[in-house]
Amino acid sequence: MESQQHIGERCVTVESHRSFRLSRRPDAVLSSGSTSFYKRWFPAIWLGLPAVALLGQLFRIARVGHVTPKDLGLLGVCILFLAVGIPIFRRLAFCLVDEVVDEGDFLLVRSERHQERVPLGSIAGVLDGPTMRPFQITLNLDQPCRFGQKITFIPRYRLVWNGLHPLVDELRSRVEAVRGNRPGMNSKKAEPNAAADGGGG
């Protein structure tokens, strides 16, 4: 195990071959258990089916030796699904981290085989994501960490009023209490992230 400590309110990177969780509280996990489905399985189904269909159609064309208008139509549909799906999933799914755990004065963020401790004082803004389902919350950091300067996750299901997930206001209040009058706290809506900003692999 290797750890990298940053100065002040910056993040602490923890590298390990196995995941660990510090908190035992059942309500400590802020992220949804369905994250893996939206991040991995749904994109795999959406992109995998047209990819398989595209390859099958190309093999069939190669076997018969000619192309019909129907073949061209099927190829066009498959390519359209891939062309639309890949950039959408890059911005809305592949950028998601796997898990966010509330550890009191910091959040433990995990994605793939990497983990990061994010102090509440290092969070410049808590942003609600695009108007879509499932809800997404983006943490905008003062300084970039392993996962980028933006950490995006799907929160656990809770009753939503006025289109805003309750966790957004809760995190904003806690961050403002820690940061005091320090600049940078904002509450604007988040733009969909590119993979490089908050991707978890």
Protein backbone atom coordinates (compact mmCIF):
# COMPACT_ATOMS: atom_id res chain seq x y z
CA MET A 1 0.00 0.00 0.00
CA GLU A 2 1.22 3.46 -0.88
CA SER A 3 -0.15 6.76 0.33
CA GLN A 4 0.53 10.30 -0.82
CA GLN A 5 -0.18 13.14 1.67
CA HIS A 6 -0.94 16.63 0.41
CA ILE A 7 -0.57 19.85 2.36
CA GLY A 8 -3.47 21.65 4.07
CA GLU A 9 -6.95 21.03 2.70
CA ARG A 10 -5.81 19.18 -0.38
CA CYS A 11 -6.70 15.57 -1.07
CA VAL A 12 -4.92 12.46 0.13
CA THR A 13 -4.39 9.74 -2.45
CA VAL A 14 -4.54 6.17 -1.22
CA GLU A 15 -3.45 3.38 -3.51
CA SER A 16 -4.29 -0.19 -2.64
CA HIS A 17 -4.97 -3.49 -4.39
CA ARG A 18 -8.16 -3.87 -2.40
CA SER A 19 -10.84 -1.44 -1.38
CA PHE A 20 -11.42 -0.48 2.23
CA ARG A 21 -14.04 1.55 4.06
CA LEU A 22 -13.32 3.42 7.26
CA SER A 23 -16.90 4.05 8.36
CA ARG A 24 -19.23 1.44 9.79
CA ARG A 25 -22.38 3.59 9.64
CA PRO A 26 -24.98 2.17 7.25
CA ASP A 27 -25.91 5.67 6.07
CA ALA A 28 -22.32 6.70 5.41
CA VAL A 29 -22.37 5.68 1.74
CA LEU A 30 -23.60 8.71 -0.20
CA SER A 31 -23.47 7.15 -3.66
CA SER A 32 -26.04 4.85 -5.22
CA GLY A 33 -25.55 1.11 -5.40
CA SER A 34 -26.78 1.25 -9.00
CA THR A 35 -23.71 3.26 -10.12
CA SER A 36 -22.06 0.19 -11.63
CA PHE A 37 -25.10 -0.46 -13.81
CA TYR A 38 -25.20 3.09 -15.19
CA LYS A 39 -21.42 3.33 -15.54
CA ARG A 40 -20.67 -0.11 -16.99
CA TRP A 41 -23.60 -2.39 -17.80
CA PHE A 42 -25.94 0.07 -19.49
CA PRO A 43 -23.21 1.48 -21.78
CA ALA A 44 -22.02 -2.07 -22.51
CA ILE A 45 -25.52 -3.08 -23.62
CA TRP A 46 -26.13 0.12 -25.58
CA LEU A 47 -22.79 0.02 -27.38
CA GLY A 48 -22.30 -3.74 -27.46
CA LEU A 49 -25.46 -4.72 -29.32
CA PRO A 50 -24.95 -2.38 -32.31
CA ALA A 51 -21.23 -3.26 -32.37
CA VAL A 52 -22.02 -6.97 -32.61
CA ALA A 53 -24.72 -6.28 -35.19
CA LEU A 54 -22.28 -4.16 -37.22
CA LEU A 55 -19.62 -6.87 -37.24
CA GLY A 56 -22.19 -9.52 -38.13
CA GLN A 57 -23.47 -7.47 -41.02
CA LEU A 58 -19.94 -6.85 -42.32
CA PHE A 59 -19.16 -10.58 -42.19
CA ARG A 60 -22.39 -11.35 -44.03
CA ILE A 61 -21.58 -8.80 -46.74
CA ALA A 62 -18.07 -10.25 -47.09
CA ARG A 63 -19.53 -13.75 -47.41
CA VAL A 64 -22.15 -12.96 -50.06
CA GLY A 65 -19.87 -10.58 -51.95
CA HIS A 66 -22.31 -7.74 -52.56
CA VAL A 67 -24.15 -4.98 -50.69
CA THR A 68 -27.90 -4.34 -50.83
CA PRO A 69 -29.75 -1.16 -49.79
CA LYS A 70 -31.03 -3.07 -46.76
CA ASP A 71 -27.43 -3.82 -45.76
CA LEU A 72 -26.52 -0.16 -46.01
CA GLY A 73 -29.51 0.80 -43.90
CA LEU A 74 -28.60 -1.65 -41.14
CA LEU A 75 -24.99 -0.51 -41.19
CA GLY A 76 -26.11 3.10 -40.94
CA VAL A 77 -28.32 2.39 -37.91
CA CYS A 78 -25.52 0.56 -36.10
CA ILE A 79 -23.02 3.33 -36.80
CA LEU A 80 -25.56 5.96 -35.67
CA PHE A 81 -26.10 4.18 -32.33
CA LEU A 82 -22.34 4.04 -31.74
CA ALA A 83 -21.72 7.62 -32.88
CA VAL A 84 -24.41 8.98 -30.56
CA GLY A 85 -23.80 6.64 -27.63
CA ILE A 86 -20.04 6.97 -27.24
CA PRO A 87 -19.87 10.77 -26.62
CA ILE A 88 -22.98 10.66 -24.40
CA PHE A 89 -21.57 7.94 -22.18
CA ARG A 90 -18.18 9.65 -22.07
CA ARG A 91 -19.83 12.76 -20.64
CA LEU A 92 -22.49 11.22 -18.40
CA ALA A 93 -21.42 7.70 -17.41
CA PHE A 94 -17.69 7.03 -17.77
CA CYS A 95 -16.92 10.10 -15.63
CA LEU A 96 -18.75 8.66 -12.59
CA VAL A 97 -16.79 7.48 -9.56
CA ASP A 98 -17.82 4.15 -8.08
CA GLU A 99 -18.42 5.13 -4.47
CA VAL A 100 -18.47 8.15 -2.16
CA VAL A 101 -18.44 7.53 1.60
CA ASP A 102 -19.04 10.18 4.26
CA GLU A 103 -16.24 10.01 6.84
CA GLY A 104 -17.13 13.17 8.74
CA ASP A 105 -14.61 15.88 7.86
CA PHE A 106 -13.67 14.23 4.56
CA LEU A 107 -15.22 12.07 1.84
CA LEU A 108 -13.65 8.79 0.80
CA VAL A 109 -13.96 8.53 -2.98
CA ARG A 110 -13.33 5.26 -4.79
CA SER A 111 -13.16 4.45 -8.48
CA GLU A 112 -11.78 1.26 -9.95
CA ARG A 113 -8.74 0.33 -7.81
CA HIS A 114 -7.97 3.82 -6.57
CA GLN A 115 -9.21 5.84 -3.60
CA GLU A 116 -8.96 9.47 -2.59
CA ARG A 117 -9.68 11.23 0.69
CA VAL A 118 -11.33 14.56 -0.13
CA PRO A 119 -11.50 17.01 2.83
CA LEU A 120 -14.71 19.05 2.92
CA GLY A 121 -12.55 22.19 3.02
CA SER A 122 -11.09 21.34 -0.40
CA ILE A 123 -14.51 21.39 -2.07
CA ALA A 124 -15.17 24.68 -3.86
CA GLY A 125 -18.70 23.84 -4.96
CA VAL A 126 -21.43 21.21 -4.80
CA LEU A 127 -23.28 21.19 -8.09
CA ASP A 128 -26.47 19.45 -9.17
CA GLY A 129 -26.11 17.80 -12.54
CA PRO A 130 -28.12 18.04 -15.74
CA THR A 131 -31.92 17.74 -15.55
CA MET A 132 -32.04 14.00 -16.08
CA ARG A 133 -32.40 10.72 -14.25
CA PRO A 134 -30.63 9.35 -12.39
CA PHE A 135 -29.56 12.46 -10.49
CA GLN A 136 -25.87 13.32 -10.51
CA ILE A 137 -23.91 15.45 -8.03
CA THR A 138 -20.58 17.04 -8.92
CA LEU A 139 -17.99 18.16 -6.38
CA ASN A 140 -15.84 20.96 -7.76
CA LEU A 141 -12.44 20.93 -6.03
CA ASP A 142 -9.96 23.73 -5.37
CA GLN A 143 -7.14 21.54 -6.67
CA PRO A 144 -7.36 18.50 -8.97
CA CYS A 145 -6.99 15.07 -7.44
CA ARG A 146 -6.47 11.66 -9.04
CA PHE A 147 -9.97 11.79 -10.48
CA GLY A 148 -9.66 15.32 -11.81
CA GLN A 149 -10.92 18.65 -10.47
CA LYS A 150 -14.53 17.46 -10.63
CA ILE A 151 -15.87 14.36 -8.87
CA THR A 152 -19.25 13.21 -10.14
CA PHE A 153 -21.41 10.52 -8.56
CA ILE A 154 -24.99 9.26 -8.46
CA PRO A 155 -26.45 9.84 -4.97
CA ARG A 156 -28.51 7.27 -3.11
CA TYR A 157 -32.22 7.42 -3.76
CA ARG A 158 -34.13 9.89 -1.59
CA LEU A 159 -37.39 11.78 -2.00
CA VAL A 160 -36.71 14.82 -4.18
CA TRP A 161 -38.46 18.15 -3.81
CA ASN A 162 -38.34 20.99 -6.37
CA GLY A 163 -36.06 18.92 -8.60
CA LEU A 164 -33.09 19.16 -6.21
CA HIS A 165 -31.67 16.14 -4.42
CA PRO A 166 -31.57 16.78 -0.62
CA LEU A 167 -27.91 15.73 -0.45
CA VAL A 168 -26.92 18.76 -2.54
CA ASP A 169 -28.10 21.24 0.11
CA GLU A 170 -26.71 19.11 2.94
CA LEU A 171 -23.25 18.97 1.42
CA ARG A 172 -23.32 22.68 0.56
CA SER A 173 -24.17 23.56 4.16
CA ARG A 174 -21.39 21.37 5.54
CA VAL A 175 -18.82 22.67 3.08
CA GLU A 176 -19.78 26.30 3.75
CA ALA A 177 -19.49 25.68 7.49
CA VAL A 178 -15.95 24.32 7.03
CA ARG A 179 -14.79 26.91 4.51
CA GLY A 180 -16.34 29.90 6.28
CA ASN A 181 -15.77 33.01 4.18
CA ARG A 182 -13.21 31.41 1.92
CA PRO A 183 -13.88 32.16 -1.75
CA GLY A 184 -14.93 29.64 -4.32
CA MET A 185 -18.14 28.14 -2.97
CA ASN A 186 -20.84 28.16 -5.62
CA SER A 187 -24.16 26.50 -6.32
CA LYS A 188 -24.52 26.63 -10.09
CA LYS A 189 -25.77 23.73 -12.11
CA ALA A 190 -23.04 21.41 -13.29
CA GLU A 191 -22.32 20.94 -16.94
CA PRO A 192 -21.93 17.29 -17.99
CA ASN A 193 -18.33 16.28 -17.33
CA ALA A 194 -15.79 15.10 -19.84
CA ALA A 195 -14.08 11.85 -18.89
CA ALA A 196 -10.87 13.65 -18.08
CA ASP A 197 -12.56 15.87 -15.49
CA GLY A 198 -14.00 13.27 -13.25
CA GLY A 199 -13.59 9.94 -14.90
CA GLY A 200 -13.24 6.84 -12.90
CA GLY A 201 -12.04 4.62 -15.58
